[in-house]
Amino acid sequence: MRNKIENGIDSRVLKQTWQFMRATFSQAPEQFKQLAENLPELFADGERDIDLQEKRKVYLIIAKFLCEKFQKPLPVSLGATHILCDEADPRLLFDGVLDNETRQLTESAKEIILTIKALYEPLQNRSYKRQIEILWLKNDNPTLVKVEEELPWDYLPTDISEKNLRSGANALTFKLYPLEA
């Protein structure tokens, strides 16, 4: 019981510290920036709400793509991902940085990313394969990046499991970027 309380307190302190530091991330000491690289994954792994956890994990995949292509810190890339995917949930926006560097990264990403999709395909064992597809321009040529992961039934987002129960196991695709008006 004591560990649960201590971990809860540690988590709250960590989130409060992050809330303060994310506003001034670009001026933060390099050691803090290195520590902050791990925070988005910690927040995703510690999330109890399955729907939020899944969104966090999908956004992390996209953010890691941006990190690699633009050599930006993960919290900045995650903030840009939230903007690209038009995320409005403050619980999710909390994970990333929203500053000038984020806005610049977002504009640069819009120049090369053509589309981002999340596909959920049922497997034989009542689990699903989640595939994130990012179609982007590499040297002016369309290039597709795919990241796949298997999700057990218990970790499926509510909308996917409900559709499965109502209409059977069908593949579902969600377009995350660009969003149609």
N, C-alpha and C. Protein backbone atom coordinates (compact mmCIF):
# COMPACT_ATOMS: atom_id res chain seq x y z
N MET A 1 0.82 -1.20 0.00
CA MET A 1 0.00 0.00 0.00
C MET A 1 0.86 1.25 0.00
N ARG A 2 1.93 1.23 0.78
CA ARG A 2 2.80 2.40 0.88
C ARG A 2 3.41 2.75 -0.47
N ASN A 3 3.84 1.74 -1.24
CA ASN A 3 4.42 2.00 -2.55
C ASN A 3 3.42 2.66 -3.49
N LYS A 4 2.16 2.23 -3.42
CA LYS A 4 1.14 2.83 -4.27
C LYS A 4 0.99 4.31 -3.95
N ILE A 5 0.97 4.65 -2.69
CA ILE A 5 0.84 6.05 -2.29
C ILE A 5 2.06 6.83 -2.72
N GLU A 6 3.24 6.28 -2.47
CA GLU A 6 4.47 6.98 -2.85
C GLU A 6 4.56 7.16 -4.36
N ASN A 7 4.19 6.12 -5.12
CA ASN A 7 4.23 6.24 -6.57
C ASN A 7 3.23 7.26 -7.07
N GLY A 8 2.04 7.31 -6.44
CA GLY A 8 1.04 8.31 -6.81
C GLY A 8 1.54 9.71 -6.55
N ILE A 9 2.19 9.91 -5.43
CA ILE A 9 2.74 11.22 -5.11
C ILE A 9 3.85 11.57 -6.08
N ASP A 10 4.72 10.62 -6.36
CA ASP A 10 5.81 10.86 -7.30
C ASP A 10 5.26 11.23 -8.67
N SER A 11 4.22 10.54 -9.10
CA SER A 11 3.62 10.81 -10.39
C SER A 11 3.03 12.22 -10.43
N ARG A 12 2.34 12.61 -9.38
CA ARG A 12 1.77 13.96 -9.34
C ARG A 12 2.85 15.02 -9.33
N VAL A 13 3.89 14.80 -8.55
CA VAL A 13 5.00 15.77 -8.50
C VAL A 13 5.65 15.87 -9.87
N LEU A 14 5.86 14.74 -10.51
CA LEU A 14 6.45 14.73 -11.84
C LEU A 14 5.58 15.50 -12.82
N LYS A 15 4.28 15.28 -12.79
CA LYS A 15 3.37 15.99 -13.70
C LYS A 15 3.33 17.48 -13.40
N GLN A 16 3.36 17.85 -12.12
CA GLN A 16 3.37 19.27 -11.77
C GLN A 16 4.66 19.93 -12.24
N THR A 17 5.77 19.25 -12.06
CA THR A 17 7.06 19.79 -12.51
C THR A 17 7.05 19.94 -14.03
N TRP A 18 6.55 18.93 -14.71
CA TRP A 18 6.49 18.97 -16.18
C TRP A 18 5.59 20.11 -16.64
N GLN A 19 4.46 20.30 -15.96
CA GLN A 19 3.55 21.37 -16.34
C GLN A 19 4.25 22.72 -16.27
N PHE A 20 5.07 22.93 -15.27
CA PHE A 20 5.80 24.18 -15.13
C PHE A 20 6.90 24.30 -16.19
N MET A 21 7.66 23.23 -16.39
CA MET A 21 8.83 23.27 -17.27
C MET A 21 8.46 23.25 -18.76
N ARG A 22 7.34 22.65 -19.13
CA ARG A 22 7.01 22.55 -20.56
C ARG A 22 6.75 23.91 -21.17
N ALA A 23 6.32 24.87 -20.35
CA ALA A 23 6.06 26.22 -20.86
C ALA A 23 7.35 26.93 -21.26
N THR A 24 8.45 26.54 -20.64
CA THR A 24 9.75 27.17 -20.93
C THR A 24 10.76 26.13 -21.38
N PHE A 25 10.29 25.12 -22.09
CA PHE A 25 11.13 23.99 -22.47
C PHE A 25 12.38 24.41 -23.24
N SER A 26 12.24 25.34 -24.17
CA SER A 26 13.39 25.72 -25.00
C SER A 26 14.49 26.38 -24.17
N GLN A 27 14.16 26.96 -23.03
CA GLN A 27 15.18 27.58 -22.18
C GLN A 27 15.64 26.65 -21.06
N ALA A 28 15.10 25.45 -20.98
CA ALA A 28 15.44 24.52 -19.90
C ALA A 28 16.88 24.03 -20.04
N PRO A 29 17.50 23.68 -18.92
CA PRO A 29 18.85 23.11 -18.98
C PRO A 29 18.86 21.81 -19.78
N GLU A 30 19.98 21.52 -20.40
CA GLU A 30 20.10 20.35 -21.26
C GLU A 30 19.78 19.06 -20.49
N GLN A 31 20.16 18.99 -19.23
CA GLN A 31 19.88 17.79 -18.43
C GLN A 31 18.38 17.58 -18.26
N PHE A 32 17.63 18.66 -18.10
CA PHE A 32 16.18 18.53 -17.99
C PHE A 32 15.60 18.07 -19.32
N LYS A 33 16.11 18.60 -20.42
CA LYS A 33 15.61 18.19 -21.73
C LYS A 33 15.83 16.70 -21.94
N GLN A 34 16.97 16.19 -21.49
CA GLN A 34 17.24 14.77 -21.63
C GLN A 34 16.26 13.95 -20.80
N LEU A 35 15.98 14.40 -19.58
CA LEU A 35 15.00 13.73 -18.73
C LEU A 35 13.61 13.79 -19.38
N ALA A 36 13.27 14.93 -19.93
CA ALA A 36 11.94 15.13 -20.53
C ALA A 36 11.70 14.21 -21.72
N GLU A 37 12.75 13.71 -22.35
CA GLU A 37 12.59 12.78 -23.47
C GLU A 37 11.82 11.53 -23.06
N ASN A 38 11.92 11.15 -21.79
CA ASN A 38 11.26 9.94 -21.31
C ASN A 38 9.84 10.16 -20.80
N LEU A 39 9.49 11.40 -20.53
CA LEU A 39 8.19 11.68 -19.92
C LEU A 39 6.99 11.24 -20.75
N PRO A 40 6.94 11.53 -22.05
CA PRO A 40 5.74 11.10 -22.81
C PRO A 40 5.49 9.59 -22.73
N GLU A 41 6.55 8.79 -22.76
CA GLU A 41 6.36 7.34 -22.67
C GLU A 41 5.92 6.94 -21.27
N LEU A 42 6.45 7.61 -20.25
CA LEU A 42 6.01 7.34 -18.88
C LEU A 42 4.53 7.66 -18.71
N PHE A 43 4.10 8.78 -19.28
CA PHE A 43 2.69 9.15 -19.18
C PHE A 43 1.82 8.13 -19.91
N ALA A 44 2.26 7.65 -21.08
CA ALA A 44 1.48 6.66 -21.84
C ALA A 44 1.41 5.33 -21.08
N ASP A 45 2.55 4.88 -20.57
CA ASP A 45 2.57 3.60 -19.86
C ASP A 45 1.79 3.65 -18.56
N GLY A 46 1.72 4.82 -17.94
CA GLY A 46 1.02 4.95 -16.66
C GLY A 46 -0.45 5.29 -16.79
N GLU A 47 -0.93 5.48 -18.00
CA GLU A 47 -2.33 5.85 -18.22
C GLU A 47 -3.24 4.66 -17.94
N ARG A 48 -4.27 4.89 -17.16
CA ARG A 48 -5.22 3.82 -16.82
C ARG A 48 -6.40 3.75 -17.78
N ASP A 49 -6.74 4.86 -18.39
CA ASP A 49 -7.84 4.91 -19.35
C ASP A 49 -7.33 4.34 -20.67
N ILE A 50 -7.90 3.22 -21.10
CA ILE A 50 -7.43 2.51 -22.30
C ILE A 50 -7.49 3.40 -23.54
N ASP A 51 -8.57 4.18 -23.69
CA ASP A 51 -8.70 5.05 -24.86
C ASP A 51 -7.60 6.11 -24.88
N LEU A 52 -7.34 6.73 -23.74
CA LEU A 52 -6.27 7.73 -23.68
C LEU A 52 -4.90 7.09 -23.87
N GLN A 53 -4.71 5.92 -23.29
CA GLN A 53 -3.44 5.23 -23.44
C GLN A 53 -3.16 4.93 -24.92
N GLU A 54 -4.18 4.47 -25.63
CA GLU A 54 -4.01 4.15 -27.05
C GLU A 54 -3.68 5.40 -27.85
N LYS A 55 -4.40 6.49 -27.59
CA LYS A 55 -4.10 7.74 -28.29
C LYS A 55 -2.67 8.19 -28.00
N ARG A 56 -2.27 8.11 -26.74
CA ARG A 56 -0.91 8.51 -26.38
C ARG A 56 0.12 7.67 -27.14
N LYS A 57 -0.12 6.38 -27.24
CA LYS A 57 0.83 5.50 -27.92
C LYS A 57 0.88 5.78 -29.43
N VAL A 58 -0.28 6.04 -30.03
CA VAL A 58 -0.31 6.37 -31.45
C VAL A 58 0.43 7.68 -31.69
N TYR A 59 0.16 8.68 -30.86
CA TYR A 59 0.83 9.97 -30.99
C TYR A 59 2.33 9.84 -30.78
N LEU A 60 2.75 8.96 -29.89
CA LEU A 60 4.18 8.76 -29.66
C LEU A 60 4.87 8.19 -30.91
N ILE A 61 4.20 7.30 -31.59
CA ILE A 61 4.77 6.73 -32.83
C ILE A 61 4.99 7.84 -33.85
N ILE A 62 3.99 8.69 -34.01
CA ILE A 62 4.10 9.80 -34.97
C ILE A 62 5.19 10.77 -34.51
N ALA A 63 5.21 11.07 -33.22
CA ALA A 63 6.21 12.01 -32.68
C ALA A 63 7.63 11.47 -32.86
N LYS A 64 7.81 10.18 -32.69
CA LYS A 64 9.15 9.59 -32.88
C LYS A 64 9.59 9.70 -34.34
N PHE A 65 8.63 9.58 -35.25
CA PHE A 65 8.94 9.80 -36.67
C PHE A 65 9.44 11.23 -36.87
N LEU A 66 8.72 12.21 -36.29
CA LEU A 66 9.14 13.61 -36.42
C LEU A 66 10.50 13.84 -35.78
N CYS A 67 10.74 13.23 -34.63
CA CYS A 67 12.05 13.35 -33.96
C CYS A 67 13.17 12.92 -34.90
N GLU A 68 12.96 11.76 -35.50
CA GLU A 68 13.99 11.20 -36.37
C GLU A 68 14.23 12.06 -37.61
N LYS A 69 13.16 12.51 -38.23
CA LYS A 69 13.29 13.26 -39.48
C LYS A 69 13.78 14.68 -39.28
N PHE A 70 13.42 15.30 -38.16
CA PHE A 70 13.74 16.72 -37.96
C PHE A 70 14.73 16.97 -36.83
N GLN A 71 15.17 15.89 -36.17
CA GLN A 71 16.14 16.01 -35.08
C GLN A 71 15.68 16.99 -34.00
N LYS A 72 14.45 16.81 -33.56
CA LYS A 72 13.85 17.64 -32.51
C LYS A 72 13.58 16.78 -31.28
N PRO A 73 13.53 17.39 -30.10
CA PRO A 73 13.22 16.63 -28.88
C PRO A 73 11.83 16.01 -28.95
N LEU A 74 11.66 14.88 -28.27
CA LEU A 74 10.38 14.19 -28.28
C LEU A 74 9.23 15.06 -27.78
N PRO A 75 9.37 15.81 -26.68
CA PRO A 75 8.24 16.64 -26.25
C PRO A 75 7.82 17.69 -27.30
N VAL A 76 8.77 18.24 -28.02
CA VAL A 76 8.47 19.21 -29.09
C VAL A 76 7.76 18.48 -30.24
N SER A 77 8.27 17.32 -30.60
CA SER A 77 7.67 16.53 -31.69
C SER A 77 6.27 16.06 -31.32
N LEU A 78 6.06 15.75 -30.06
CA LEU A 78 4.73 15.34 -29.61
C LEU A 78 3.76 16.51 -29.67
N GLY A 79 4.21 17.69 -29.29
CA GLY A 79 3.37 18.88 -29.42
C GLY A 79 2.98 19.13 -30.86
N ALA A 80 3.94 18.97 -31.78
CA ALA A 80 3.64 19.14 -33.21
C ALA A 80 2.66 18.08 -33.70
N THR A 81 2.79 16.86 -33.19
CA THR A 81 1.86 15.78 -33.54
C THR A 81 0.45 16.15 -33.11
N HIS A 82 0.32 16.68 -31.92
CA HIS A 82 -1.01 17.09 -31.43
C HIS A 82 -1.63 18.14 -32.36
N ILE A 83 -0.82 19.08 -32.82
CA ILE A 83 -1.32 20.11 -33.72
C ILE A 83 -1.72 19.50 -35.06
N LEU A 84 -0.84 18.65 -35.62
CA LEU A 84 -1.14 18.01 -36.91
C LEU A 84 -2.44 17.22 -36.84
N CYS A 85 -2.64 16.50 -35.75
CA CYS A 85 -3.81 15.63 -35.62
C CYS A 85 -5.00 16.35 -35.02
N ASP A 86 -4.87 17.65 -34.84
CA ASP A 86 -5.96 18.49 -34.34
C ASP A 86 -6.52 17.99 -33.01
N GLU A 87 -5.62 17.60 -32.12
CA GLU A 87 -6.00 17.09 -30.80
C GLU A 87 -6.39 18.26 -29.90
N ALA A 88 -7.50 18.10 -29.18
CA ALA A 88 -7.98 19.17 -28.31
C ALA A 88 -8.08 18.75 -26.84
N ASP A 89 -7.91 17.47 -26.56
CA ASP A 89 -8.06 16.99 -25.18
C ASP A 89 -6.89 17.49 -24.33
N PRO A 90 -7.17 18.32 -23.32
CA PRO A 90 -6.08 18.88 -22.50
C PRO A 90 -5.26 17.82 -21.78
N ARG A 91 -5.85 16.65 -21.50
CA ARG A 91 -5.10 15.57 -20.85
C ARG A 91 -3.99 15.06 -21.76
N LEU A 92 -4.23 15.09 -23.07
CA LEU A 92 -3.22 14.64 -24.03
C LEU A 92 -2.25 15.77 -24.37
N LEU A 93 -2.78 16.97 -24.50
CA LEU A 93 -1.92 18.12 -24.84
C LEU A 93 -0.88 18.36 -23.76
N PHE A 94 -1.18 17.96 -22.55
CA PHE A 94 -0.27 18.12 -21.42
C PHE A 94 1.08 17.42 -21.67
N ASP A 95 1.08 16.34 -22.45
CA ASP A 95 2.29 15.53 -22.65
C ASP A 95 3.36 16.23 -23.48
N GLY A 96 2.96 17.10 -24.38
CA GLY A 96 3.91 17.71 -25.30
C GLY A 96 4.18 19.16 -24.96
N VAL A 97 5.06 19.74 -25.75
CA VAL A 97 5.43 21.16 -25.60
C VAL A 97 4.73 21.94 -26.70
N LEU A 98 4.17 23.09 -26.34
CA LEU A 98 3.55 23.96 -27.32
C LEU A 98 4.23 25.32 -27.25
N ASP A 99 5.27 25.50 -28.06
CA ASP A 99 6.01 26.76 -28.08
C ASP A 99 6.37 27.10 -29.52
N ASN A 100 7.20 28.10 -29.72
CA ASN A 100 7.57 28.51 -31.09
C ASN A 100 8.28 27.40 -31.84
N GLU A 101 9.15 26.66 -31.17
CA GLU A 101 9.85 25.55 -31.82
C GLU A 101 8.84 24.50 -32.31
N THR A 102 7.80 24.27 -31.51
CA THR A 102 6.76 23.32 -31.89
C THR A 102 6.01 23.80 -33.12
N ARG A 103 5.67 25.06 -33.13
CA ARG A 103 4.93 25.62 -34.27
C ARG A 103 5.78 25.55 -35.56
N GLN A 104 7.07 25.83 -35.44
CA GLN A 104 7.96 25.75 -36.60
C GLN A 104 8.06 24.31 -37.10
N LEU A 105 8.17 23.37 -36.17
CA LEU A 105 8.23 21.96 -36.55
C LEU A 105 6.93 21.54 -37.24
N THR A 106 5.82 22.00 -36.74
CA THR A 106 4.53 21.68 -37.35
C THR A 106 4.48 22.15 -38.80
N GLU A 107 4.91 23.36 -39.04
CA GLU A 107 4.90 23.89 -40.42
C GLU A 107 5.85 23.10 -41.31
N SER A 108 7.02 22.73 -40.80
CA SER A 108 7.96 21.91 -41.59
C SER A 108 7.38 20.54 -41.88
N ALA A 109 6.70 19.96 -40.89
CA ALA A 109 6.10 18.63 -41.08
C ALA A 109 4.99 18.68 -42.13
N LYS A 110 4.21 19.75 -42.13
CA LYS A 110 3.13 19.88 -43.12
C LYS A 110 3.67 19.93 -44.54
N GLU A 111 4.91 20.36 -44.70
CA GLU A 111 5.52 20.43 -46.04
C GLU A 111 5.89 19.06 -46.58
N ILE A 112 6.14 18.08 -45.69
CA ILE A 112 6.58 16.77 -46.18
C ILE A 112 5.59 15.63 -45.92
N ILE A 113 4.70 15.79 -44.96
CA ILE A 113 3.77 14.70 -44.65
C ILE A 113 2.52 14.83 -45.52
N LEU A 114 2.21 13.77 -46.22
CA LEU A 114 1.03 13.74 -47.08
C LEU A 114 -0.19 13.23 -46.32
N THR A 115 -0.01 12.16 -45.57
CA THR A 115 -1.13 11.59 -44.81
C THR A 115 -0.61 10.73 -43.67
N ILE A 116 -1.43 10.64 -42.62
CA ILE A 116 -1.16 9.74 -41.49
C ILE A 116 -2.45 9.00 -41.21
N LYS A 117 -2.34 7.66 -41.14
CA LYS A 117 -3.51 6.82 -40.87
C LYS A 117 -3.19 5.81 -39.78
N ALA A 118 -4.23 5.45 -39.04
CA ALA A 118 -4.14 4.34 -38.08
C ALA A 118 -5.11 3.27 -38.55
N LEU A 119 -4.60 2.07 -38.75
CA LEU A 119 -5.41 0.95 -39.20
C LEU A 119 -5.45 -0.10 -38.11
N TYR A 120 -6.63 -0.63 -37.85
CA TYR A 120 -6.81 -1.69 -36.86
C TYR A 120 -7.42 -2.88 -37.57
N GLU A 121 -6.69 -3.99 -37.57
CA GLU A 121 -7.12 -5.18 -38.29
C GLU A 121 -7.22 -6.36 -37.32
N PRO A 122 -8.37 -7.05 -37.33
CA PRO A 122 -8.53 -8.18 -36.41
C PRO A 122 -7.61 -9.34 -36.78
N LEU A 123 -7.13 -10.02 -35.75
CA LEU A 123 -6.31 -11.21 -35.93
C LEU A 123 -7.11 -12.43 -35.45
N GLN A 124 -6.60 -13.61 -35.70
CA GLN A 124 -7.31 -14.85 -35.36
C GLN A 124 -7.53 -15.03 -33.85
N ASN A 125 -6.65 -14.48 -33.04
CA ASN A 125 -6.67 -14.75 -31.60
C ASN A 125 -7.42 -13.68 -30.79
N ARG A 126 -8.42 -13.04 -31.38
CA ARG A 126 -9.21 -11.98 -30.74
C ARG A 126 -8.36 -10.78 -30.33
N SER A 127 -7.26 -10.61 -30.99
CA SER A 127 -6.48 -9.39 -30.80
C SER A 127 -6.53 -8.62 -32.13
N TYR A 128 -5.93 -7.48 -32.13
CA TYR A 128 -5.90 -6.64 -33.32
C TYR A 128 -4.46 -6.23 -33.64
N LYS A 129 -4.22 -6.01 -34.90
CA LYS A 129 -2.95 -5.43 -35.33
C LYS A 129 -3.22 -3.95 -35.56
N ARG A 130 -2.44 -3.11 -34.87
CA ARG A 130 -2.51 -1.67 -35.11
C ARG A 130 -1.34 -1.31 -36.03
N GLN A 131 -1.67 -0.63 -37.10
CA GLN A 131 -0.64 -0.20 -38.05
C GLN A 131 -0.77 1.29 -38.27
N ILE A 132 0.29 2.01 -37.97
CA ILE A 132 0.34 3.44 -38.23
C ILE A 132 1.07 3.61 -39.55
N GLU A 133 0.45 4.31 -40.48
CA GLU A 133 1.05 4.58 -41.78
C GLU A 133 1.28 6.07 -41.94
N ILE A 134 2.51 6.43 -42.24
CA ILE A 134 2.86 7.83 -42.50
C ILE A 134 3.39 7.90 -43.92
N LEU A 135 2.65 8.59 -44.78
CA LEU A 135 3.07 8.80 -46.16
C LEU A 135 3.69 10.18 -46.23
N TRP A 136 4.96 10.23 -46.59
CA TRP A 136 5.69 11.50 -46.59
C TRP A 136 6.59 11.61 -47.80
N LEU A 137 7.06 12.81 -48.06
CA LEU A 137 7.93 13.06 -49.21
C LEU A 137 9.40 12.96 -48.77
N LYS A 138 10.10 12.03 -49.40
CA LYS A 138 11.53 11.87 -49.17
C LYS A 138 12.21 12.13 -50.51
N ASN A 139 12.97 13.21 -50.59
CA ASN A 139 13.60 13.61 -51.85
C ASN A 139 12.54 13.75 -52.95
N ASP A 140 11.42 14.36 -52.61
CA ASP A 140 10.30 14.61 -53.52
C ASP A 140 9.60 13.34 -54.00
N ASN A 141 9.87 12.20 -53.39
CA ASN A 141 9.21 10.95 -53.73
C ASN A 141 8.35 10.48 -52.56
N PRO A 142 7.10 10.10 -52.81
CA PRO A 142 6.26 9.59 -51.72
C PRO A 142 6.87 8.32 -51.13
N THR A 143 6.97 8.29 -49.81
CA THR A 143 7.57 7.17 -49.09
C THR A 143 6.63 6.80 -47.95
N LEU A 144 6.39 5.51 -47.78
CA LEU A 144 5.48 5.05 -46.75
C LEU A 144 6.25 4.42 -45.61
N VAL A 145 5.98 4.87 -44.39
CA VAL A 145 6.53 4.28 -43.17
C VAL A 145 5.38 3.60 -42.46
N LYS A 146 5.59 2.32 -42.06
CA LYS A 146 4.57 1.57 -41.33
C LYS A 146 5.16 1.12 -40.00
N VAL A 147 4.37 1.30 -38.95
CA VAL A 147 4.74 0.81 -37.62
C VAL A 147 3.59 -0.06 -37.14
N GLU A 148 3.89 -1.35 -36.88
CA GLU A 148 2.86 -2.31 -36.49
C GLU A 148 3.07 -2.79 -35.07
N GLU A 149 1.94 -3.06 -34.41
CA GLU A 149 1.97 -3.62 -33.06
C GLU A 149 0.68 -4.41 -32.86
N GLU A 150 0.77 -5.51 -32.12
CA GLU A 150 -0.42 -6.30 -31.80
C GLU A 150 -1.01 -5.79 -30.49
N LEU A 151 -2.33 -5.63 -30.48
CA LEU A 151 -3.04 -5.17 -29.29
C LEU A 151 -3.97 -6.27 -28.80
N PRO A 152 -3.82 -6.71 -27.55
CA PRO A 152 -4.78 -7.67 -27.00
C PRO A 152 -6.17 -7.03 -26.90
N TRP A 153 -7.21 -7.87 -26.91
CA TRP A 153 -8.59 -7.39 -26.86
C TRP A 153 -8.80 -6.41 -25.70
N ASP A 154 -8.23 -6.70 -24.54
CA ASP A 154 -8.43 -5.86 -23.35
C ASP A 154 -7.84 -4.47 -23.50
N TYR A 155 -6.98 -4.26 -24.47
CA TYR A 155 -6.33 -2.95 -24.65
C TYR A 155 -6.82 -2.22 -25.90
N LEU A 156 -7.91 -2.72 -26.47
CA LEU A 156 -8.48 -2.04 -27.64
C LEU A 156 -9.25 -0.80 -27.20
N PRO A 157 -9.14 0.28 -27.96
CA PRO A 157 -9.98 1.44 -27.67
C PRO A 157 -11.46 1.06 -27.77
N THR A 158 -12.27 1.75 -27.01
CA THR A 158 -13.70 1.44 -26.91
C THR A 158 -14.39 1.44 -28.27
N ASP A 159 -14.11 2.44 -29.11
CA ASP A 159 -14.81 2.51 -30.40
C ASP A 159 -14.51 1.30 -31.28
N ILE A 160 -13.31 0.75 -31.19
CA ILE A 160 -12.96 -0.41 -32.01
C ILE A 160 -13.63 -1.68 -31.46
N SER A 161 -13.55 -1.89 -30.16
CA SER A 161 -14.16 -3.09 -29.59
C SER A 161 -15.68 -3.05 -29.75
N GLU A 162 -16.31 -1.89 -29.61
CA GLU A 162 -17.76 -1.78 -29.79
C GLU A 162 -18.16 -2.08 -31.23
N LYS A 163 -17.41 -1.56 -32.20
CA LYS A 163 -17.73 -1.85 -33.61
C LYS A 163 -17.56 -3.33 -33.91
N ASN A 164 -16.55 -3.94 -33.28
CA ASN A 164 -16.33 -5.36 -33.47
C ASN A 164 -17.52 -6.15 -32.94
N LEU A 165 -18.00 -5.79 -31.76
CA LEU A 165 -19.12 -6.52 -31.16
C LEU A 165 -20.41 -6.31 -31.94
N ARG A 166 -20.60 -5.12 -32.48
CA ARG A 166 -21.84 -4.80 -33.21
C ARG A 166 -21.87 -5.39 -34.61
N SER A 167 -20.78 -5.23 -35.34
CA SER A 167 -20.82 -5.62 -36.75
C SER A 167 -19.80 -6.68 -37.14
N GLY A 168 -19.15 -7.30 -36.18
CA GLY A 168 -18.17 -8.32 -36.50
C GLY A 168 -16.79 -7.74 -36.64
N ALA A 169 -15.83 -8.62 -36.76
CA ALA A 169 -14.43 -8.23 -36.82
C ALA A 169 -14.09 -7.71 -38.22
N ASN A 170 -14.03 -6.41 -38.34
CA ASN A 170 -13.67 -5.77 -39.60
C ASN A 170 -12.48 -4.86 -39.37
N ALA A 171 -11.72 -4.67 -40.42
CA ALA A 171 -10.61 -3.72 -40.34
C ALA A 171 -11.17 -2.30 -40.30
N LEU A 172 -10.58 -1.46 -39.49
CA LEU A 172 -10.99 -0.07 -39.37
C LEU A 172 -9.81 0.84 -39.65
N THR A 173 -10.07 1.95 -40.34
CA THR A 173 -9.02 2.92 -40.67
C THR A 173 -9.46 4.29 -40.18
N PHE A 174 -8.53 4.99 -39.51
CA PHE A 174 -8.76 6.34 -39.05
C PHE A 174 -7.72 7.25 -39.69
N LYS A 175 -8.18 8.26 -40.36
CA LYS A 175 -7.27 9.23 -40.96
C LYS A 175 -6.99 10.31 -39.92
N LEU A 176 -5.72 10.43 -39.54
CA LEU A 176 -5.32 11.38 -38.50
C LEU A 176 -4.84 12.70 -39.07
N TYR A 177 -4.28 12.65 -40.29
CA TYR A 177 -3.80 13.86 -40.93
C TYR A 177 -3.77 13.63 -42.44
N PRO A 178 -4.16 14.59 -43.24
CA PRO A 178 -4.88 15.80 -42.87
C PRO A 178 -6.32 15.46 -42.61
N LEU A 179 -6.93 16.23 -41.75
CA LEU A 179 -8.34 16.03 -41.44
C LEU A 179 -9.18 16.74 -42.48
N GLU A 180 -10.24 16.08 -42.91
CA GLU A 180 -11.15 16.70 -43.87
C GLU A 180 -12.03 17.70 -43.14
N ALA A 181 -12.35 18.76 -43.81
CA ALA A 181 -13.22 19.80 -43.20
C ALA A 181 -14.66 19.36 -43.19
